[in-house]
Protein backbone atom coordinates (compact mmCIF):
# COMPACT_ATOMS: atom_id res chain seq x y z
CA MET A 1 -3.62 -11.17 10.98
CA GLU A 2 -0.10 -11.02 10.03
CA GLN A 3 1.93 -7.83 10.39
CA GLY A 4 2.96 -8.05 6.73
CA LEU A 5 -0.77 -8.30 5.34
CA MET A 6 -1.61 -5.45 7.51
CA ILE A 7 1.16 -2.82 5.95
CA ALA A 8 0.37 -4.65 2.28
CA ILE A 9 -3.62 -3.46 3.13
CA VAL A 10 -2.57 0.36 4.26
CA VAL A 11 -0.36 0.60 1.42
CA ASN A 12 -3.44 -0.94 -1.41
CA VAL A 13 -6.17 1.49 0.28
CA VAL A 14 -3.91 4.35 0.42
CA GLY A 15 -3.09 4.00 -3.36
CA ILE A 16 -6.17 3.41 -4.56
CA THR A 17 -7.24 7.00 -2.04
CA ILE A 18 -3.95 8.72 -4.71
CA ALA A 19 -5.68 7.65 -7.49
CA VAL A 20 -9.07 8.14 -7.46
CA TRP A 21 -8.72 11.64 -6.06
CA PHE A 22 -6.37 11.89 -8.88
CA LEU A 23 -8.80 10.95 -11.63
CA ARG A 24 -11.30 12.75 -10.12
CA SER A 25 -9.44 15.74 -10.03
CA ARG A 26 -8.58 14.88 -13.86
CA ILE A 27 -12.85 14.48 -14.43
CA LEU A 28 -13.34 17.96 -12.74
CA ALA A 29 -10.63 19.46 -14.58
CA LYS A 30 -11.58 18.50 -18.21
CA LEU A 31 -15.69 18.94 -17.12
CA ALA A 32 -15.04 22.53 -16.37
CA GLU A 33 -12.86 23.29 -19.72
CA VAL A 34 -16.11 21.73 -21.46
CA GLU A 35 -17.73 23.78 -20.13
CA ALA A 36 -15.71 27.16 -20.41
CA ARG A 37 -15.75 25.94 -24.13
CA LYS A 38 -19.32 25.31 -24.08
CA ALA A 39 -19.70 29.10 -22.82
CA ARG A 40 -16.96 30.74 -26.25
CA LYS A 41 -19.35 28.22 -28.57
CA ARG A 42 -22.34 30.81 -27.14
CA GLU A 43 -20.16 33.92 -27.39
CA ASP A 44 -19.84 33.55 -31.09
């Protein structure tokens, strides 16, 4: 394969990996926030 194509593939894979990691961390943080809100409502 061409050198430029290999670099483009690597850059795309790294970018997708970072995007998935970021979205996963945001979703987990939001789920934790919702659970905390539910726990507070149960206490009231």
